[in-house]
Amino acid sequence: MPIIKSAKKRVRTTKKASVRNAKTKRTLKSAIKSFHAAVTGKSAKAGDSHKKAQSALDKAGKKGVMHKNKVARKKKQLAAAAKKAGVKSVGTKKTAAKKAPAKKTATKKAPAKKPATKKPAAKKK
């Protein structure tokens, strides 16, 4: 057990982080396993489980549990497996949220700039 105050705090924070990381890893593993089970069983909920697995991967990458390149690689592998199984992916937040077209307001036209005046040529002596 450490004696120094900062080292004691470090032990406490490390313990909290390891619990949080273990929970993230556990949810990630279960999401990926459920996706693979849905894909192999040709389940109707394969698209939903694909979305959950991708979300779990994103969270793991954001929290630093998994490297961002590994997250990208795993997401690509999941997408390839889903495509091979013929799973229709459920729309993501970016594609699902459709915005209504913005109304165009009348804008005033900027006044035309005056042409620059030329300076008279200097007289030669």
N, C-alpha and C. Protein backbone atom coordinates (compact mmCIF):
# COMPACT_ATOMS: atom_id res chain seq x y z
N MET A 1 0.85 -1.19 0.00
CA MET A 1 0.00 0.00 0.00
C MET A 1 0.89 1.24 0.00
N PRO A 2 0.60 2.21 -0.86
CA PRO A 2 1.44 3.41 -0.93
C PRO A 2 1.28 4.30 0.31
N ILE A 3 2.30 5.07 0.57
CA ILE A 3 2.31 5.97 1.72
C ILE A 3 1.98 7.39 1.28
N ILE A 4 2.46 7.79 0.14
CA ILE A 4 2.29 9.15 -0.36
C ILE A 4 0.83 9.38 -0.77
N LYS A 5 0.36 10.60 -0.46
CA LYS A 5 -1.05 10.96 -0.69
C LYS A 5 -1.44 10.84 -2.17
N SER A 6 -0.60 11.34 -3.06
CA SER A 6 -0.92 11.30 -4.48
C SER A 6 -0.94 9.86 -5.00
N ALA A 7 -0.08 9.02 -4.46
CA ALA A 7 -0.05 7.61 -4.88
C ALA A 7 -1.30 6.88 -4.40
N LYS A 8 -1.79 7.25 -3.21
CA LYS A 8 -3.03 6.66 -2.70
C LYS A 8 -4.20 7.03 -3.62
N LYS A 9 -4.23 8.28 -4.04
CA LYS A 9 -5.29 8.74 -4.94
C LYS A 9 -5.19 8.01 -6.28
N ARG A 10 -3.97 7.80 -6.74
CA ARG A 10 -3.75 7.11 -8.01
C ARG A 10 -4.32 5.69 -7.95
N VAL A 11 -4.16 5.02 -6.80
CA VAL A 11 -4.70 3.68 -6.63
C VAL A 11 -6.21 3.70 -6.72
N ARG A 12 -6.83 4.70 -6.06
CA ARG A 12 -8.30 4.81 -6.09
C ARG A 12 -8.80 5.06 -7.51
N THR A 13 -8.18 5.99 -8.21
CA THR A 13 -8.64 6.30 -9.57
C THR A 13 -8.40 5.15 -10.52
N THR A 14 -7.31 4.44 -10.35
CA THR A 14 -7.02 3.28 -11.20
C THR A 14 -8.06 2.19 -11.00
N LYS A 15 -8.47 2.01 -9.75
CA LYS A 15 -9.48 1.00 -9.45
C LYS A 15 -10.80 1.35 -10.12
N LYS A 16 -11.19 2.64 -10.06
CA LYS A 16 -12.43 3.10 -10.70
C LYS A 16 -12.36 2.90 -12.21
N ALA A 17 -11.21 3.26 -12.79
CA ALA A 17 -11.05 3.15 -14.23
C ALA A 17 -11.08 1.69 -14.69
N SER A 18 -10.47 0.81 -13.90
CA SER A 18 -10.44 -0.60 -14.31
C SER A 18 -11.84 -1.21 -14.25
N VAL A 19 -12.65 -0.78 -13.28
CA VAL A 19 -14.04 -1.26 -13.21
C VAL A 19 -14.82 -0.76 -14.41
N ARG A 20 -14.63 0.53 -14.73
CA ARG A 20 -15.34 1.11 -15.88
C ARG A 20 -14.92 0.45 -17.19
N ASN A 21 -13.61 0.21 -17.35
CA ASN A 21 -13.11 -0.42 -18.57
C ASN A 21 -13.60 -1.86 -18.69
N ALA A 22 -13.67 -2.57 -17.57
CA ALA A 22 -14.15 -3.95 -17.60
C ALA A 22 -15.61 -4.00 -18.03
N LYS A 23 -16.39 -3.05 -17.55
CA LYS A 23 -17.81 -3.00 -17.94
C LYS A 23 -17.95 -2.71 -19.44
N THR A 24 -17.14 -1.79 -19.93
CA THR A 24 -17.19 -1.45 -21.36
C THR A 24 -16.79 -2.66 -22.21
N LYS A 25 -15.75 -3.36 -21.80
CA LYS A 25 -15.31 -4.54 -22.55
C LYS A 25 -16.37 -5.63 -22.53
N ARG A 26 -17.01 -5.81 -21.38
CA ARG A 26 -18.04 -6.85 -21.25
C ARG A 26 -19.23 -6.54 -22.17
N THR A 27 -19.69 -5.29 -22.17
CA THR A 27 -20.82 -4.95 -23.04
C THR A 27 -20.45 -5.06 -24.51
N LEU A 28 -19.20 -4.71 -24.83
CA LEU A 28 -18.72 -4.83 -26.21
C LEU A 28 -18.71 -6.29 -26.66
N LYS A 29 -18.17 -7.17 -25.83
CA LYS A 29 -18.11 -8.59 -26.18
C LYS A 29 -19.50 -9.18 -26.35
N SER A 30 -20.41 -8.82 -25.45
CA SER A 30 -21.77 -9.38 -25.55
C SER A 30 -22.49 -8.85 -26.78
N ALA A 31 -22.25 -7.58 -27.13
CA ALA A 31 -22.89 -7.01 -28.33
C ALA A 31 -22.39 -7.69 -29.59
N ILE A 32 -21.09 -7.92 -29.66
CA ILE A 32 -20.51 -8.57 -30.84
C ILE A 32 -20.98 -10.02 -30.94
N LYS A 33 -21.02 -10.73 -29.80
CA LYS A 33 -21.49 -12.12 -29.81
C LYS A 33 -22.95 -12.21 -30.24
N SER A 34 -23.79 -11.29 -29.76
CA SER A 34 -25.20 -11.32 -30.16
C SER A 34 -25.36 -11.01 -31.64
N PHE A 35 -24.49 -10.14 -32.17
CA PHE A 35 -24.54 -9.84 -33.60
C PHE A 35 -24.18 -11.08 -34.42
N HIS A 36 -23.10 -11.75 -34.04
CA HIS A 36 -22.68 -12.94 -34.78
C HIS A 36 -23.73 -14.05 -34.68
N ALA A 37 -24.36 -14.16 -33.52
CA ALA A 37 -25.42 -15.15 -33.36
C ALA A 37 -26.61 -14.82 -34.25
N ALA A 38 -26.95 -13.53 -34.34
CA ALA A 38 -28.06 -13.11 -35.18
C ALA A 38 -27.75 -13.31 -36.66
N VAL A 39 -26.51 -13.06 -37.05
CA VAL A 39 -26.12 -13.21 -38.45
C VAL A 39 -26.12 -14.69 -38.86
N THR A 40 -25.56 -15.55 -38.02
CA THR A 40 -25.50 -16.97 -38.38
C THR A 40 -26.89 -17.61 -38.33
N GLY A 41 -27.75 -17.10 -37.47
CA GLY A 41 -29.10 -17.64 -37.37
C GLY A 41 -30.08 -16.97 -38.31
N LYS A 42 -29.60 -16.02 -39.11
CA LYS A 42 -30.44 -15.27 -40.06
C LYS A 42 -31.64 -14.64 -39.33
N SER A 43 -31.37 -14.07 -38.18
CA SER A 43 -32.41 -13.45 -37.36
C SER A 43 -32.88 -12.15 -37.99
N ALA A 44 -34.12 -11.80 -37.70
CA ALA A 44 -34.68 -10.56 -38.22
C ALA A 44 -34.09 -9.35 -37.49
N LYS A 45 -33.55 -9.59 -36.29
CA LYS A 45 -33.01 -8.50 -35.50
C LYS A 45 -31.51 -8.32 -35.72
N ALA A 46 -30.99 -8.85 -36.79
CA ALA A 46 -29.56 -8.74 -37.07
C ALA A 46 -29.16 -7.29 -37.32
N GLY A 47 -30.02 -6.54 -37.98
CA GLY A 47 -29.72 -5.13 -38.24
C GLY A 47 -29.63 -4.33 -36.95
N ASP A 48 -30.54 -4.62 -36.02
CA ASP A 48 -30.53 -3.92 -34.74
C ASP A 48 -29.30 -4.30 -33.93
N SER A 49 -28.94 -5.58 -33.94
CA SER A 49 -27.76 -6.01 -33.18
C SER A 49 -26.48 -5.46 -33.83
N HIS A 50 -26.50 -5.28 -35.15
CA HIS A 50 -25.36 -4.67 -35.84
C HIS A 50 -25.18 -3.24 -35.37
N LYS A 51 -26.27 -2.53 -35.26
CA LYS A 51 -26.21 -1.14 -34.80
C LYS A 51 -25.70 -1.06 -33.37
N LYS A 52 -26.15 -1.97 -32.50
CA LYS A 52 -25.70 -1.98 -31.10
C LYS A 52 -24.22 -2.32 -31.00
N ALA A 53 -23.76 -3.25 -31.83
CA ALA A 53 -22.34 -3.63 -31.81
C ALA A 53 -21.46 -2.46 -32.26
N GLN A 54 -21.89 -1.76 -33.28
CA GLN A 54 -21.14 -0.60 -33.74
C GLN A 54 -21.10 0.49 -32.67
N SER A 55 -22.22 0.69 -32.01
CA SER A 55 -22.28 1.68 -30.94
C SER A 55 -21.35 1.31 -29.80
N ALA A 56 -21.32 0.03 -29.43
CA ALA A 56 -20.44 -0.43 -28.36
C ALA A 56 -18.98 -0.24 -28.75
N LEU A 57 -18.66 -0.49 -30.02
CA LEU A 57 -17.29 -0.28 -30.49
C LEU A 57 -16.91 1.20 -30.42
N ASP A 58 -17.83 2.07 -30.83
CA ASP A 58 -17.56 3.50 -30.78
C ASP A 58 -17.31 3.97 -29.35
N LYS A 59 -18.11 3.47 -28.42
CA LYS A 59 -17.94 3.85 -27.01
C LYS A 59 -16.60 3.36 -26.47
N ALA A 60 -16.22 2.15 -26.84
CA ALA A 60 -14.93 1.62 -26.38
C ALA A 60 -13.78 2.46 -26.93
N GLY A 61 -13.90 2.89 -28.16
CA GLY A 61 -12.86 3.73 -28.74
C GLY A 61 -12.82 5.10 -28.11
N LYS A 62 -13.99 5.65 -27.81
CA LYS A 62 -14.05 6.98 -27.22
C LYS A 62 -13.49 7.00 -25.81
N LYS A 63 -13.72 5.92 -25.06
CA LYS A 63 -13.26 5.85 -23.68
C LYS A 63 -11.80 5.42 -23.57
N GLY A 64 -11.19 5.06 -24.70
CA GLY A 64 -9.79 4.68 -24.68
C GLY A 64 -9.54 3.24 -24.31
N VAL A 65 -10.60 2.43 -24.28
CA VAL A 65 -10.45 1.01 -23.97
C VAL A 65 -9.83 0.29 -25.16
N MET A 66 -10.15 0.77 -26.35
CA MET A 66 -9.66 0.15 -27.57
C MET A 66 -9.12 1.25 -28.48
N HIS A 67 -8.06 0.96 -29.21
CA HIS A 67 -7.46 1.94 -30.10
C HIS A 67 -8.41 2.27 -31.25
N LYS A 68 -8.37 3.52 -31.71
CA LYS A 68 -9.32 3.95 -32.74
C LYS A 68 -9.17 3.18 -34.05
N ASN A 69 -7.96 2.79 -34.39
CA ASN A 69 -7.77 2.03 -35.63
C ASN A 69 -8.33 0.62 -35.49
N LYS A 70 -8.21 0.05 -34.31
CA LYS A 70 -8.78 -1.28 -34.07
C LYS A 70 -10.30 -1.20 -34.13
N VAL A 71 -10.86 -0.12 -33.59
CA VAL A 71 -12.31 0.08 -33.64
C VAL A 71 -12.77 0.15 -35.10
N ALA A 72 -12.04 0.90 -35.91
CA ALA A 72 -12.40 1.04 -37.33
C ALA A 72 -12.32 -0.31 -38.03
N ARG A 73 -11.28 -1.08 -37.72
CA ARG A 73 -11.12 -2.40 -38.34
C ARG A 73 -12.25 -3.34 -37.95
N LYS A 74 -12.62 -3.34 -36.67
CA LYS A 74 -13.70 -4.21 -36.19
C LYS A 74 -15.04 -3.80 -36.80
N LYS A 75 -15.28 -2.49 -36.92
CA LYS A 75 -16.53 -2.02 -37.53
C LYS A 75 -16.60 -2.45 -38.99
N LYS A 76 -15.46 -2.40 -39.66
CA LYS A 76 -15.42 -2.82 -41.06
C LYS A 76 -15.71 -4.31 -41.18
N GLN A 77 -15.17 -5.10 -40.25
CA GLN A 77 -15.41 -6.54 -40.25
C GLN A 77 -16.88 -6.85 -39.99
N LEU A 78 -17.49 -6.11 -39.06
CA LEU A 78 -18.91 -6.31 -38.78
C LEU A 78 -19.76 -5.98 -40.01
N ALA A 79 -19.41 -4.88 -40.66
CA ALA A 79 -20.17 -4.46 -41.84
C ALA A 79 -20.04 -5.49 -42.96
N ALA A 80 -18.85 -6.05 -43.12
CA ALA A 80 -18.64 -7.07 -44.15
C ALA A 80 -19.44 -8.32 -43.84
N ALA A 81 -19.48 -8.70 -42.56
CA ALA A 81 -20.24 -9.89 -42.17
C ALA A 81 -21.73 -9.66 -42.37
N ALA A 82 -22.19 -8.45 -42.07
CA ALA A 82 -23.60 -8.12 -42.25
C ALA A 82 -23.97 -8.13 -43.73
N LYS A 83 -23.08 -7.59 -44.55
CA LYS A 83 -23.34 -7.55 -45.99
C LYS A 83 -23.37 -8.96 -46.58
N LYS A 84 -22.44 -9.79 -46.12
CA LYS A 84 -22.37 -11.16 -46.61
C LYS A 84 -23.63 -11.94 -46.23
N ALA A 85 -24.17 -11.66 -45.06
CA ALA A 85 -25.37 -12.35 -44.60
C ALA A 85 -26.64 -11.73 -45.19
N GLY A 86 -26.50 -10.59 -45.86
CA GLY A 86 -27.65 -9.93 -46.46
C GLY A 86 -28.50 -9.19 -45.46
N VAL A 87 -27.87 -8.65 -44.44
CA VAL A 87 -28.59 -7.92 -43.40
C VAL A 87 -28.82 -6.49 -43.86
N LYS A 88 -30.05 -6.04 -43.73
CA LYS A 88 -30.36 -4.66 -44.02
C LYS A 88 -30.03 -3.86 -42.77
N SER A 89 -29.11 -2.91 -42.90
CA SER A 89 -28.70 -2.15 -41.73
C SER A 89 -29.77 -1.13 -41.37
N VAL A 90 -29.98 -0.97 -40.09
CA VAL A 90 -30.92 0.02 -39.60
C VAL A 90 -30.25 1.36 -39.74
N GLY A 91 -31.01 2.39 -40.13
CA GLY A 91 -30.44 3.71 -40.37
C GLY A 91 -29.71 4.26 -39.17
N THR A 92 -28.58 4.89 -39.43
CA THR A 92 -27.82 5.51 -38.35
C THR A 92 -28.38 6.90 -38.09
N LYS A 93 -27.85 7.54 -37.09
CA LYS A 93 -28.34 8.86 -36.71
C LYS A 93 -28.18 9.86 -37.84
N LYS A 94 -27.07 9.76 -38.55
CA LYS A 94 -26.80 10.72 -39.61
C LYS A 94 -27.79 10.57 -40.77
N THR A 95 -28.10 9.34 -41.15
CA THR A 95 -28.97 9.13 -42.29
C THR A 95 -30.44 9.18 -41.90
N ALA A 96 -30.75 8.84 -40.65
CA ALA A 96 -32.15 8.78 -40.23
C ALA A 96 -32.73 10.17 -40.00
N ALA A 97 -31.93 11.08 -39.53
CA ALA A 97 -32.44 12.42 -39.22
C ALA A 97 -32.48 13.25 -40.50
N LYS A 98 -33.67 13.45 -41.00
CA LYS A 98 -33.84 14.27 -42.19
C LYS A 98 -34.36 15.63 -41.77
N LYS A 99 -33.73 16.65 -42.26
CA LYS A 99 -34.13 18.01 -41.91
C LYS A 99 -35.12 18.53 -42.94
N ALA A 100 -36.05 19.34 -42.45
CA ALA A 100 -36.99 19.99 -43.34
C ALA A 100 -36.24 21.07 -44.11
N PRO A 101 -36.60 21.28 -45.37
CA PRO A 101 -35.89 22.31 -46.12
C PRO A 101 -36.10 23.67 -45.49
N ALA A 102 -35.04 24.41 -45.38
CA ALA A 102 -35.10 25.74 -44.75
C ALA A 102 -35.80 26.72 -45.70
N LYS A 103 -36.58 27.59 -45.11
CA LYS A 103 -37.27 28.60 -45.91
C LYS A 103 -36.28 29.67 -46.31
N LYS A 104 -36.40 30.09 -47.54
CA LYS A 104 -35.51 31.13 -48.02
C LYS A 104 -36.13 32.49 -47.67
N THR A 105 -35.34 33.30 -47.04
CA THR A 105 -35.80 34.64 -46.70
C THR A 105 -35.25 35.61 -47.72
N ALA A 106 -36.00 36.69 -47.90
CA ALA A 106 -35.56 37.70 -48.86
C ALA A 106 -34.33 38.40 -48.30
N THR A 107 -33.27 38.39 -49.09
CA THR A 107 -32.05 39.06 -48.66
C THR A 107 -31.85 40.31 -49.48
N LYS A 108 -31.35 41.33 -48.82
CA LYS A 108 -31.10 42.58 -49.52
C LYS A 108 -29.82 42.46 -50.31
N LYS A 109 -29.86 43.03 -51.49
CA LYS A 109 -28.69 42.99 -52.34
C LYS A 109 -27.72 44.07 -51.87
N ALA A 110 -26.47 43.72 -51.80
CA ALA A 110 -25.46 44.67 -51.36
C ALA A 110 -25.32 45.78 -52.40
N PRO A 111 -25.18 47.01 -51.94
CA PRO A 111 -25.04 48.11 -52.91
C PRO A 111 -23.74 47.96 -53.69
N ALA A 112 -23.80 48.36 -54.95
CA ALA A 112 -22.64 48.25 -55.81
C ALA A 112 -21.55 49.20 -55.34
N LYS A 113 -20.31 48.76 -55.43
CA LYS A 113 -19.19 49.60 -55.00
C LYS A 113 -18.91 50.64 -56.06
N LYS A 114 -18.50 51.81 -55.59
CA LYS A 114 -18.14 52.88 -56.52
C LYS A 114 -16.79 52.56 -57.13
N PRO A 115 -16.61 52.87 -58.41
CA PRO A 115 -15.31 52.61 -59.03
C PRO A 115 -14.24 53.49 -58.39
N ALA A 116 -13.06 52.97 -58.29
CA ALA A 116 -11.95 53.72 -57.69
C ALA A 116 -11.58 54.87 -58.60
N THR A 117 -11.36 56.04 -58.00
CA THR A 117 -10.98 57.21 -58.80
C THR A 117 -9.48 57.16 -59.04
N LYS A 118 -9.12 57.59 -60.25
CA LYS A 118 -7.71 57.59 -60.60
C LYS A 118 -7.09 58.92 -60.18
N LYS A 119 -5.88 58.80 -59.69
CA LYS A 119 -5.15 60.02 -59.31
C LYS A 119 -4.56 60.64 -60.56
N PRO A 120 -4.54 61.97 -60.59
CA PRO A 120 -3.95 62.60 -61.77
C PRO A 120 -2.44 62.33 -61.81
N ALA A 121 -1.91 62.23 -63.01
CA ALA A 121 -0.50 61.95 -63.19
C ALA A 121 0.33 63.11 -62.65
N ALA A 122 1.44 62.78 -62.06
CA ALA A 122 2.32 63.83 -61.50
C ALA A 122 2.96 64.61 -62.64
N LYS A 123 3.11 65.92 -62.44
CA LYS A 123 3.70 66.75 -63.49
C LYS A 123 5.21 66.61 -63.47
N LYS A 124 5.78 66.59 -64.67
CA LYS A 124 7.24 66.51 -64.79
C LYS A 124 7.80 67.93 -64.80
N LYS A 125 8.95 68.12 -64.19
CA LYS A 125 9.55 69.43 -64.12
C LYS A 125 10.62 69.62 -65.14
